[in-house]
PDB file of N, CA and C in Angstrom:
ATOM      1  N   MET A   1     110.834  89.456 102.140  1.00  0.00           N
ATOM      2  CA  MET A   1     110.882  90.559 103.071  1.00  0.00           C
ATOM      3  C   MET A   1     109.979  90.184 104.245  1.00  0.00           C
ATOM      4  N   CYS A   2     110.496  90.246 105.441  1.00  0.00           N
ATOM      5  CA  CYS A   2     109.734  89.884 106.631  1.00  0.00           C
ATOM      6  C   CYS A   2     109.440  91.127 107.464  1.00  0.00           C
ATOM      7  N   SER A   3     108.376  91.044 108.269  1.00  0.00           N
ATOM      8  CA  SER A   3     107.921  92.207 109.021  1.00  0.00           C
ATOM      9  C   SER A   3     107.303  91.773 110.338  1.00  0.00           C
ATOM     10  N   ASN A   4     107.325  92.673 111.286  1.00  0.00           N
ATOM     11  CA  ASN A   4     106.650  92.461 112.557  1.00  0.00           C
ATOM     12  C   ASN A   4     105.499  93.425 112.758  1.00  0.00           C
ATOM     13  N   ASP A   5     105.090  94.128 111.707  1.00  0.00           N
ATOM     14  CA  ASP A   5     103.951  95.033 111.846  1.00  0.00           C
ATOM     15  C   ASP A   5     102.749  94.243 112.335  1.00  0.00           C
ATOM     16  N   ASP A   6     101.879  94.909 113.055  1.00  0.00           N
ATOM     17  CA  ASP A   6     100.771  94.224 113.715  1.00  0.00           C
ATOM     18  C   ASP A   6      99.555  93.994 112.836  1.00  0.00           C
ATOM     19  N   GLY A   7      99.664  94.233 111.553  1.00  0.00           N
ATOM     20  CA  GLY A   7      98.537  94.014 110.664  1.00  0.00           C
ATOM     21  C   GLY A   7      97.757  95.269 110.386  1.00  0.00           C
ATOM     22  N   ALA A   8      98.005  96.340 111.138  1.00  0.00           N
ATOM     23  CA  ALA A   8      97.290  97.589 110.916  1.00  0.00           C
ATOM     24  C   ALA A   8      97.924  98.393 109.787  1.00  0.00           C
ATOM     25  N   VAL A   9      99.095  97.957 109.323  1.00  0.00           N
ATOM     26  CA  VAL A   9      99.782  98.672 108.255  1.00  0.00           C
ATOM     27  C   VAL A   9      99.001  98.531 106.949  1.00  0.00           C
ATOM     28  N   THR A  10      98.990  99.578 106.166  1.00  0.00           N
ATOM     29  CA  THR A  10      98.410  99.504 104.828  1.00  0.00           C
ATOM     30  C   THR A  10      99.509  99.819 103.837  1.00  0.00           C
ATOM     31  N   ALA A  11      99.226  99.631 102.565  1.00  0.00           N
ATOM     32  CA  ALA A  11     100.244  99.878 101.548  1.00  0.00           C
ATOM     33  C   ALA A  11     100.650 101.348 101.510  1.00  0.00           C
ATOM     34  N   ALA A  12      99.847 102.212 102.100  1.00  0.00           N
ATOM     35  CA  ALA A  12     100.200 103.634 102.147  1.00  0.00           C
ATOM     36  C   ALA A  12     101.323 103.881 103.147  1.00  0.00           C
ATOM     37  N   ASP A  13     101.495 102.954 104.081  1.00  0.00           N
ATOM     38  CA  ASP A  13     102.512 103.089 105.115  1.00  0.00           C
ATOM     39  C   ASP A  13     103.811 102.438 104.670  1.00  0.00           C
ATOM     40  N   LYS A  14     104.871 102.798 105.335  1.00  0.00           N
ATOM     41  CA  LYS A  14     106.126 102.088 105.163  1.00  0.00           C
ATOM     42  C   LYS A  14     106.010 100.793 105.959  1.00  0.00           C
ATOM     43  N   VAL A  15     106.325  99.685 105.334  1.00  0.00           N
ATOM     44  CA  VAL A  15     106.257  98.405 106.012  1.00  0.00           C
ATOM     45  C   VAL A  15     107.547  98.223 106.799  1.00  0.00           C
ATOM     46  N   GLY A  16     107.412  97.955 108.094  1.00  0.00           N
ATOM     47  CA  GLY A  16     108.590  97.737 108.926  1.00  0.00           C
ATOM     48  C   GLY A  16     109.237  96.406 108.583  1.00  0.00           C
ATOM     49  N   VAL A  17     110.464  96.435 108.121  1.00  0.00           N
ATOM     50  CA  VAL A  17     111.148  95.235 107.655  1.00  0.00           C
ATOM     51  C   VAL A  17     112.114  94.729 108.721  1.00  0.00           C
ATOM     52  N   VAL A  18     112.139  93.401 108.886  1.00  0.00           N
ATOM     53  CA  VAL A  18     113.110  92.757 109.763  1.00  0.00           C
ATOM     54  C   VAL A  18     113.779  91.635 108.979  1.00  0.00           C
ATOM     55  N   ASP A  19     114.938  91.206 109.433  1.00  0.00           N
ATOM     56  CA  ASP A  19     115.626  90.071 108.835  1.00  0.00           C
ATOM     57  C   ASP A  19     114.771  88.826 109.080  1.00  0.00           C
ATOM     58  N   CYS A  20     114.573  88.014 108.053  1.00  0.00           N
ATOM     59  CA  CYS A  20     113.747  86.809 108.195  1.00  0.00           C
ATOM     60  C   CYS A  20     114.369  85.790 109.148  1.00  0.00           C
ATOM     61  N   ALA A  21     115.639  85.965 109.487  1.00  0.00           N
ATOM     62  CA  ALA A  21     116.301  85.071 110.437  1.00  0.00           C
ATOM     63  C   ALA A  21     115.917  85.403 111.877  1.00  0.00           C
ATOM     64  N   THR A  22     115.216  86.523 112.080  1.00  0.00           N
ATOM     65  CA  THR A  22     114.733  86.885 113.409  1.00  0.00           C
ATOM     66  C   THR A  22     113.240  86.570 113.475  1.00  0.00           C
ATOM     67  N   PRO A  23     112.685  86.375 114.658  1.00  0.00           N
ATOM     68  CA  PRO A  23     111.257  86.076 114.761  1.00  0.00           C
ATOM     69  C   PRO A  23     110.408  87.172 114.113  1.00  0.00           C
ATOM     70  N   HIS A  24     109.417  86.749 113.318  1.00  0.00           N
ATOM     71  CA  HIS A  24     108.550  87.701 112.616  1.00  0.00           C
ATOM     72  C   HIS A  24     107.162  87.104 112.445  1.00  0.00           C
ATOM     73  N   ARG A  25     106.170  87.973 112.220  1.00  0.00           N
ATOM     74  CA  ARG A  25     104.765  87.553 112.084  1.00  0.00           C
ATOM     75  C   ARG A  25     104.270  87.566 110.647  1.00  0.00           C
ATOM     76  N   PHE A  26     104.956  88.282 109.754  1.00  0.00           N
ATOM     77  CA  PHE A  26     104.519  88.425 108.367  1.00  0.00           C
ATOM     78  C   PHE A  26     105.697  88.233 107.428  1.00  0.00           C
ATOM     79  N   GLU A  27     105.408  87.675 106.257  1.00  0.00           N
ATOM     80  CA  GLU A  27     106.407  87.629 105.196  1.00  0.00           C
ATOM     81  C   GLU A  27     105.745  88.126 103.918  1.00  0.00           C
ATOM     82  N   ILE A  28     106.255  89.212 103.397  1.00  0.00           N
ATOM     83  CA  ILE A  28     105.725  89.781 102.157  1.00  0.00           C
ATOM     84  C   ILE A  28     106.393  89.054 101.003  1.00  0.00           C
ATOM     85  N   LEU A  29     105.562  88.424 100.172  1.00  0.00           N
ATOM     86  CA  LEU A  29     106.081  87.602  99.089  1.00  0.00           C
ATOM     87  C   LEU A  29     106.031  88.290  97.743  1.00  0.00           C
ATOM     88  N   ALA A  30     105.187  89.297  97.614  1.00  0.00           N
ATOM     89  CA  ALA A  30     105.086  89.975  96.318  1.00  0.00           C
ATOM     90  C   ALA A  30     104.524  91.372  96.493  1.00  0.00           C
ATOM     91  N   GLU A  31     104.968  92.240  95.621  1.00  0.00           N
ATOM     92  CA  GLU A  31     104.363  93.558  95.438  1.00  0.00           C
ATOM     93  C   GLU A  31     103.606  93.475  94.125  1.00  0.00           C
ATOM     94  N   VAL A  32     102.398  93.974  94.109  1.00  0.00           N
ATOM     95  CA  VAL A  32     101.607  93.954  92.875  1.00  0.00           C
ATOM     96  C   VAL A  32     101.117  95.355  92.562  1.00  0.00           C
ATOM     97  N   ARG A  33     100.978  95.614  91.292  1.00  0.00           N
ATOM     98  CA  ARG A  33     100.466  96.913  90.846  1.00  0.00           C
ATOM     99  C   ARG A  33      99.011  96.725  90.447  1.00  0.00           C
ATOM    100  N   VAL A  34      98.138  97.455  91.111  1.00  0.00           N
ATOM    101  CA  VAL A  34      96.708  97.411  90.814  1.00  0.00           C
ATOM    102  C   VAL A  34      96.454  98.301  89.604  1.00  0.00           C
ATOM    103  N   PRO A  35      95.758  97.781  88.585  1.00  0.00           N
ATOM    104  CA  PRO A  35      95.487  98.609  87.412  1.00  0.00           C
ATOM    105  C   PRO A  35      94.637  99.825  87.777  1.00  0.00           C
ATOM    106  N   GLY A  36      94.908 100.919  87.136  1.00  0.00           N
ATOM    107  CA  GLY A  36      94.131 102.137  87.358  1.00  0.00           C
ATOM    108  C   GLY A  36      94.921 103.354  86.941  1.00  0.00           C
ATOM    109  N   ALA A  37      94.327 104.162  86.098  1.00  0.00           N
ATOM    110  CA  ALA A  37      94.974 105.400  85.664  1.00  0.00           C
ATOM    111  C   ALA A  37      95.197 106.298  86.872  1.00  0.00           C
ATOM    112  N   GLN A  38      96.170 107.174  86.774  1.00  0.00           N
ATOM    113  CA  GLN A  38      96.482 108.080  87.880  1.00  0.00           C
ATOM    114  C   GLN A  38      95.285 108.929  88.291  1.00  0.00           C
ATOM    115  N   ASP A  39      94.410 109.236  87.332  1.00  0.00           N
ATOM    116  CA  ASP A  39      93.250 110.076  87.655  1.00  0.00           C
ATOM    117  C   ASP A  39      91.968 109.262  87.843  1.00  0.00           C
ATOM    118  N   ALA A  40      92.081 107.934  87.896  1.00  0.00           N
ATOM    119  CA  ALA A  40      90.896 107.087  88.086  1.00  0.00           C
ATOM    120  C   ALA A  40      90.329 107.294  89.489  1.00  0.00           C
ATOM    121  N   PRO A  41      88.994 107.287  89.622  1.00  0.00           N
ATOM    122  CA  PRO A  41      88.402 107.419  90.955  1.00  0.00           C
ATOM    123  C   PRO A  41      88.693 106.176  91.800  1.00  0.00           C
ATOM    124  N   PHE A  42      88.731 106.369  93.105  1.00  0.00           N
ATOM    125  CA  PHE A  42      88.953 105.258  94.033  1.00  0.00           C
ATOM    126  C   PHE A  42      87.852 104.225  93.834  1.00  0.00           C
ATOM    127  N   PRO A  43      88.210 102.955  93.616  1.00  0.00           N
ATOM    128  CA  PRO A  43      87.190 101.944  93.335  1.00  0.00           C
ATOM    129  C   PRO A  43      86.395 101.500  94.559  1.00  0.00           C
ATOM    130  N   GLY A  44      86.835 101.869  95.746  1.00  0.00           N
ATOM    131  CA  GLY A  44      86.196 101.408  96.979  1.00  0.00           C
ATOM    132  C   GLY A  44      87.031 100.287  97.577  1.00  0.00           C
ATOM    133  N   GLN A  45      86.959 100.143  98.886  1.00  0.00           N
ATOM    134  CA  GLN A  45      87.801  99.166  99.580  1.00  0.00           C
ATOM    135  C   GLN A  45      87.491  97.730  99.171  1.00  0.00           C
ATOM    136  N   ASN A  46      86.207  97.350  99.099  1.00  0.00           N
ATOM    137  CA  ASN A  46      85.871  95.966  98.758  1.00  0.00           C
ATOM    138  C   ASN A  46      86.327  95.584  97.356  1.00  0.00           C
ATOM    139  N   PRO A  47      86.040  96.401  96.316  1.00  0.00           N
ATOM    140  CA  PRO A  47      86.556  96.057  94.988  1.00  0.00           C
ATOM    141  C   PRO A  47      88.087  96.034  94.943  1.00  0.00           C
ATOM    142  N   LEU A  48      88.713  96.907  95.698  1.00  0.00           N
ATOM    143  CA  LEU A  48      90.175  96.945  95.722  1.00  0.00           C
ATOM    144  C   LEU A  48      90.737  95.669  96.349  1.00  0.00           C
ATOM    145  N   VAL A  49      90.153  95.228  97.442  1.00  0.00           N
ATOM    146  CA  VAL A  49      90.603  93.992  98.093  1.00  0.00           C
ATOM    147  C   VAL A  49      90.373  92.802  97.161  1.00  0.00           C
ATOM    148  N   LYS A  50      89.244  92.793  96.450  1.00  0.00           N
ATOM    149  CA  LYS A  50      88.959  91.705  95.501  1.00  0.00           C
ATOM    150  C   LYS A  50      90.019  91.667  94.402  1.00  0.00           C
ATOM    151  N   THR A  51      90.351  92.820  93.840  1.00  0.00           N
ATOM    152  CA  THR A  51      91.380  92.890  92.799  1.00  0.00           C
ATOM    153  C   THR A  51      92.723  92.447  93.350  1.00  0.00           C
ATOM    154  N   LEU A  52      93.051  92.906  94.536  1.00  0.00           N
ATOM    155  CA  LEU A  52      94.316  92.534  95.159  1.00  0.00           C
ATOM    156  C   LEU A  52      94.369  91.024  95.411  1.00  0.00           C
ATOM    157  N   ALA A  53      93.258  90.448  95.848  1.00  0.00           N
ATOM    158  CA  ALA A  53      93.208  88.998  96.066  1.00  0.00           C
ATOM    159  C   ALA A  53      93.449  88.249  94.760  1.00  0.00           C
ATOM    160  N   GLU A  54      92.862  88.721  93.675  1.00  0.00           N
ATOM    161  CA  GLU A  54      93.069  88.082  92.370  1.00  0.00           C
ATOM    162  C   GLU A  54      94.531  88.185  91.939  1.00  0.00           C
ATOM    163  N   LEU A  55      95.152  89.329  92.183  1.00  0.00           N
ATOM    164  CA  LEU A  55      96.553  89.520  91.810  1.00  0.00           C
ATOM    165  C   LEU A  55      97.500  88.704  92.697  1.00  0.00           C
ATOM    166  N   CYS A  56      97.144  88.547  93.965  1.00  0.00           N
ATOM    167  CA  CYS A  56      98.004  87.833  94.906  1.00  0.00           C
ATOM    168  C   CYS A  56      97.793  86.320  94.883  1.00  0.00           C
ATOM    169  N   ASP A  57      96.652  85.878  94.412  1.00  0.00           N
ATOM    170  CA  ASP A  57      96.304  84.460  94.472  1.00  0.00           C
ATOM    171  C   ASP A  57      97.379  83.537  93.889  1.00  0.00           C
ATOM    172  N   PRO A  58      97.942  83.827  92.709  1.00  0.00           N
ATOM    173  CA  PRO A  58      98.959  82.913  92.178  1.00  0.00           C
ATOM    174  C   PRO A  58     100.183  82.771  93.087  1.00  0.00           C
ATOM    175  N   THR A  59     100.497  83.789  93.829  1.00  0.00           N
ATOM    176  CA  THR A  59     101.646  83.748  94.739  1.00  0.00           C
ATOM    177  C   THR A  59     101.293  83.088  96.066  1.00  0.00           C
ATOM    178  N   LEU A  60     100.140  83.438  96.629  1.00  0.00           N
ATOM    179  CA  LEU A  60      99.803  82.997  97.981  1.00  0.00           C
ATOM    180  C   LEU A  60      99.107  81.644  98.055  1.00  0.00           C
ATOM    181  N   GLN A  61      98.230  81.353  97.119  1.00  0.00           N
ATOM    182  CA  GLN A  61      97.404  80.155  97.229  1.00  0.00           C
ATOM    183  C   GLN A  61      98.212  78.858  97.306  1.00  0.00           C
ATOM    184  N   PRO A  62      99.269  78.683  96.509  1.00  0.00           N
ATOM    185  CA  PRO A  62     100.032  77.430  96.638  1.00  0.00           C
ATOM    186  C   PRO A  62     100.625  77.232  98.032  1.00  0.00           C
ATOM    187  N   LEU A  63     101.005  78.297  98.681  1.00  0.00           N
ATOM    188  CA  LEU A  63     101.585  78.189 100.019  1.00  0.00           C
ATOM    189  C   LEU A  63     100.532  77.889 101.067  1.00  0.00           C
ATOM    190  N   VAL A  64      99.373  78.501 100.919  1.00  0.00           N
ATOM    191  CA  VAL A  64      98.321  78.342 101.915  1.00  0.00           C
ATOM    192  C   VAL A  64      97.603  77.014 101.732  1.00  0.00           C
ATOM    193  N   SER A  65      97.243  76.667 100.485  1.00  0.00           N
ATOM    194  CA  SER A  65      96.454  75.466 100.256  1.00  0.00           C
ATOM    195  C   SER A  65      97.301  74.197 100.259  1.00  0.00           C
ATOM    196  N   SER A  66      98.623  74.318 100.106  1.00  0.00           N
ATOM    197  CA  SER A  66      99.454  73.118 100.061  1.00  0.00           C
ATOM    198  C   SER A  66      99.607  72.470 101.434  1.00  0.00           C
ATOM    199  N   ALA A  67      99.190  73.155 102.462  1.00  0.00           N
ATOM    200  CA  ALA A  67      99.354  72.622 103.810  1.00  0.00           C
ATOM    201  C   ALA A  67      98.056  72.767 104.602  1.00  0.00           C
ATOM    202  N   PRO A  68      97.061  71.887 104.344  1.00  0.00           N
ATOM    203  CA  PRO A  68      95.825  71.976 105.121  1.00  0.00           C
ATOM    204  C   PRO A  68      96.137  71.900 106.616  1.00  0.00           C
ATOM    205  N   GLY A  69      95.490  72.738 107.368  1.00  0.00           N
ATOM    206  CA  GLY A  69      95.750  72.793 108.800  1.00  0.00           C
ATOM    207  C   GLY A  69      97.006  73.575 109.133  1.00  0.00           C
ATOM    208  N   SER A  70      97.606  74.131 108.110  1.00  0.00           N
ATOM    209  CA  SER A  70      98.825  74.902 108.299  1.00  0.00           C
ATOM    210  C   SER A  70      98.536  76.140 109.132  1.00  0.00           C
ATOM    211  N   ARG A  71      99.585  76.663 109.722  1.00  0.00           N
ATOM    212  CA  ARG A  71      99.444  77.898 110.485  1.00  0.00           C
ATOM    213  C   ARG A  71      99.676  79.111 109.605  1.00  0.00           C
ATOM    214  N   ILE A  72      99.859  78.891 108.317  1.00  0.00           N
ATOM    215  CA  ILE A  72     100.096  80.002 107.399  1.00  0.00           C
ATOM    216  C   ILE A  72      98.763  80.565 106.931  1.00  0.00           C
ATOM    217  N   GLY A  73      98.607  81.867 107.005  1.00  0.00           N
ATOM    218  CA  GLY A  73      97.410  82.540 106.518  1.00  0.00           C
ATOM    219  C   GLY A  73      97.778  83.579 105.476  1.00  0.00           C
ATOM    220  N   MET A  74      96.786  84.019 104.708  1.00  0.00           N
ATOM    221  CA  MET A  74      97.018  85.053 103.704  1.00  0.00           C
ATOM    222  C   MET A  74      96.768  86.418 104.313  1.00  0.00           C
ATOM    223  N   GLN A  75      97.535  87.376 103.880  1.00  0.00           N
ATOM    224  CA  GLN A  75      97.349  88.763 104.300  1.00  0.00           C
ATOM    225  C   GLN A  75      97.478  89.635 103.066  1.00  0.00           C
ATOM    226  N   LEU A  76      96.475  90.447 102.812  1.00  0.00           N
ATOM    227  CA  LEU A  76      96.514  91.402 101.715  1.00  0.00           C
ATOM    228  C   LEU A  76      96.648  92.781 102.324  1.00  0.00           C
ATOM    229  N   LEU A  77      97.569  93.558 101.817  1.00  0.00           N
ATOM    230  CA  LEU A  77      97.766  94.905 102.336  1.00  0.00           C
ATOM    231  C   LEU A  77      97.310  95.899 101.282  1.00  0.00           C
ATOM    232  N   PRO A  78      96.027  96.256 101.317  1.00  0.00           N
ATOM    233  CA  PRO A  78      95.516  97.233 100.367  1.00  0.00           C
ATOM    234  C   PRO A  78      95.815  98.642 100.860  1.00  0.00           C
ATOM    235  N   PHE A  79      95.304  99.585 100.165  1.00  0.00           N
ATOM    236  CA  PHE A  79      95.533 100.975 100.547  1.00  0.00           C
ATOM    237  C   PHE A  79      94.204 101.699 100.574  1.00  0.00           C
ATOM    238  N   ASP A  80      94.221 102.885 101.138  1.00  0.00           N
ATOM    239  CA  ASP A  80      92.981 103.625 101.312  1.00  0.00           C
ATOM    240  C   ASP A  80      92.797 104.664 100.206  1.00  0.00           C
ATOM    241  N   GLU A  81      91.688 105.380 100.289  1.00  0.00           N
ATOM    242  CA  GLU A  81      91.347 106.369  99.264  1.00  0.00           C
ATOM    243  C   GLU A  81      92.395 107.474  99.166  1.00  0.00           C
ATOM    244  N   LYS A  82      92.906 107.914 100.300  1.00  0.00           N
ATOM    245  CA  LYS A  82      93.917 108.976 100.288  1.00  0.00           C
ATOM    246  C   LYS A  82      95.160 108.521  99.522  1.00  0.00           C
ATOM    247  N   SER A  83      95.589 107.316  99.790  1.00  0.00           N
ATOM    248  CA  SER A  83      96.759 106.776  99.106  1.00  0.00           C
ATOM    249  C   SER A  83      96.492 106.617  97.608  1.00  0.00           C
ATOM    250  N   TRP A  84      95.300 106.099  97.256  1.00  0.00           N
ATOM    251  CA  TRP A  84      94.915 105.928  95.850  1.00  0.00           C
ATOM    252  C   TRP A  84      94.926 107.274  95.129  1.00  0.00           C
ATOM    253  N   THR A  85      94.307 108.275  95.741  1.00  0.00           N
ATOM    254  CA  THR A  85      94.240 109.609  95.142  1.00  0.00           C
ATOM    255  C   THR A  85      95.641 110.189  94.963  1.00  0.00           C
ATOM    256  N   GLY A  86      96.561 109.825  95.841  1.00  0.00           N
ATOM    257  CA  GLY A  86      97.948 110.263  95.733  1.00  0.00           C
ATOM    258  C   GLY A  86      98.744 109.510  94.673  1.00  0.00           C
ATOM    259  N   GLY A  87      98.104 108.547  94.008  1.00  0.00           N
ATOM    260  CA  GLY A  87      98.753 107.828  92.916  1.00  0.00           C
ATOM    261  C   GLY A  87      99.291 106.453  93.259  1.00  0.00           C
ATOM    262  N   ASN A  88      99.117 106.008  94.501  1.00  0.00           N
ATOM    263  CA  ASN A  88      99.614 104.690  94.884  1.00  0.00           C
ATOM    264  C   ASN A  88      98.770 103.596  94.244  1.00  0.00           C
ATOM    265  N   ARG A  89      99.418 102.673  93.571  1.00  0.00           N
ATOM    266  CA  ARG A  89      98.740 101.512  92.991  1.00  0.00           C
ATOM    267  C   ARG A  89      99.451 100.220  93.388  1.00  0.00           C
ATOM    268  N   THR A  90     100.310 100.293  94.406  1.00  0.00           N
ATOM    269  CA  THR A  90     101.076  99.131  94.842  1.00  0.00           C
ATOM    270  C   THR A  90     100.427  98.498  96.059  1.00  0.00           C
ATOM    271  N   GLY A  91     100.151  97.207  95.955  1.00  0.00           N
ATOM    272  CA  GLY A  91      99.634  96.435  97.073  1.00  0.00           C
ATOM    273  C   GLY A  91     100.642  95.355  97.429  1.00  0.00           C
ATOM    274  N   TYR A  92     100.490  94.746  98.586  1.00  0.00           N
ATOM    275  CA  TYR A  92     101.414  93.714  99.031  1.00  0.00           C
ATOM    276  C   TYR A  92     100.673  92.416  99.292  1.00  0.00           C
ATOM    277  N   CYS A  93     101.318  91.316  98.928  1.00  0.00           N
ATOM    278  CA  CYS A  93     100.792  89.973  99.166  1.00  0.00           C
ATOM    279  C   CYS A  93     101.685  89.341 100.234  1.00  0.00           C
ATOM    280  N   ALA A  94     101.095  88.918 101.325  1.00  0.00           N
ATOM    281  CA  ALA A  94     101.899  88.403 102.433  1.00  0.00           C
ATOM    282  C   ALA A  94     101.268  87.165 103.043  1.00  0.00           C
ATOM    283  N   VAL A  95     102.091  86.399 103.731  1.00  0.00           N
ATOM    284  CA  VAL A  95     101.596  85.311 104.562  1.00  0.00           C
ATOM    285  C   VAL A  95     101.781  85.741 106.010  1.00  0.00           C
ATOM    286  N   THR A  96     100.914  85.223 106.861  1.00  0.00           N
ATOM    287  CA  THR A  96     100.961  85.572 108.280  1.00  0.00           C
ATOM    288  C   THR A  96     101.112  84.305 109.111  1.00  0.00           C
ATOM    289  N   PHE A  97     101.611  84.486 110.298  1.00  0.00           N
ATOM    290  CA  PHE A  97     101.790  83.379 111.230  1.00  0.00           C
ATOM    291  C   PHE A  97     101.158  83.777 112.563  1.00  0.00           C
ATOM    292  N   PRO A  98     100.473  82.852 113.244  1.00  0.00           N
ATOM    293  CA  PRO A  98      99.840  83.202 114.520  1.00  0.00           C
ATOM    294  C   PRO A  98     100.862  83.501 115.614  1.00  0.00           C
ATOM    295  N   GLU A  99     102.021  82.905 115.499  1.00  0.00           N
ATOM    296  CA  GLU A  99     103.116  83.143 116.441  1.00  0.00           C
ATOM    297  C   GLU A  99     104.350  83.511 115.625  1.00  0.00           C
ATOM    298  N   PRO A 100     105.269  84.266 116.196  1.00  0.00           N
ATOM    299  CA  PRO A 100     106.480  84.620 115.448  1.00  0.00           C
ATOM    300  C   PRO A 100     107.216  83.378 114.923  1.00  0.00           C
ATOM    301  N   GLU A 101     107.679  83.473 113.689  1.00  0.00           N
ATOM    302  CA  GLU A 101     108.417  82.402 113.021  1.00  0.00           C
ATOM    303  C   GLU A 101     109.830  82.882 112.725  1.00  0.00           C
ATOM    304  N   ILE A 102     110.726  81.947 112.538  1.00  0.00           N
ATOM    305  CA  ILE A 102     112.093  82.257 112.114  1.00  0.00           C
ATOM    306  C   ILE A 102     112.299  81.598 110.763  1.00  0.00           C
ATOM    307  N   GLY A 103     112.871  82.338 109.821  1.00  0.00           N
ATOM    308  CA  GLY A 103     113.115  81.808 108.487  1.00  0.00           C
ATOM    309  C   GLY A 103     112.042  82.250 107.510  1.00  0.00           C
ATOM    310  N   SER A 104     112.206  81.797 106.279  1.00  0.00           N
ATOM    311  CA  SER A 104     111.297  82.164 105.200  1.00  0.00           C
ATOM    312  C   SER A 104     110.419  80.979 104.827  1.00  0.00           C
ATOM    313  N   VAL A 105     109.260  81.250 104.255  1.00  0.00           N
ATOM    314  CA  VAL A 105     108.408  80.170 103.761  1.00  0.00           C
ATOM    315  C   VAL A 105     109.035  79.523 102.534  1.00  0.00           C
ATOM    316  N   HIS A 106     110.001  80.185 101.935  1.00  0.00           N
ATOM    317  CA  HIS A 106     110.726  79.643 100.777  1.00  0.00           C
ATOM    318  C   HIS A 106     111.969  78.903 101.258  1.00  0.00           C
ATOM    319  N   LYS A 107     111.765  77.805 101.952  1.00  0.00           N
ATOM    320  CA  LYS A 107     112.895  77.043 102.520  1.00  0.00           C
ATOM    321  C   LYS A 107     113.482  76.121 101.486  1.00  0.00           C
TER     322      LYS A 107
END
């Protein structure tokens, strides 16, 4: 799934999707579910990002580290306290490009 969102999007938002055949800045490679009961207190942004990084690492790290000097970067789309309190436990693992790209990283 590819997107042109400017990076300000969080998992609480709808991610704007575009066809990967058109120029895009982000490619979402995985959706992950962060552990936590529906009534669990918000863990805080830093612990949430750490957990999300651990969940996304198996998907993102091979793409990022396989190409030193690559223009591919990691992007984690966590969510905020309001979204967490509303029951959202879905985060997104994405790669980013400094300039719009055409196609998928899974060539």
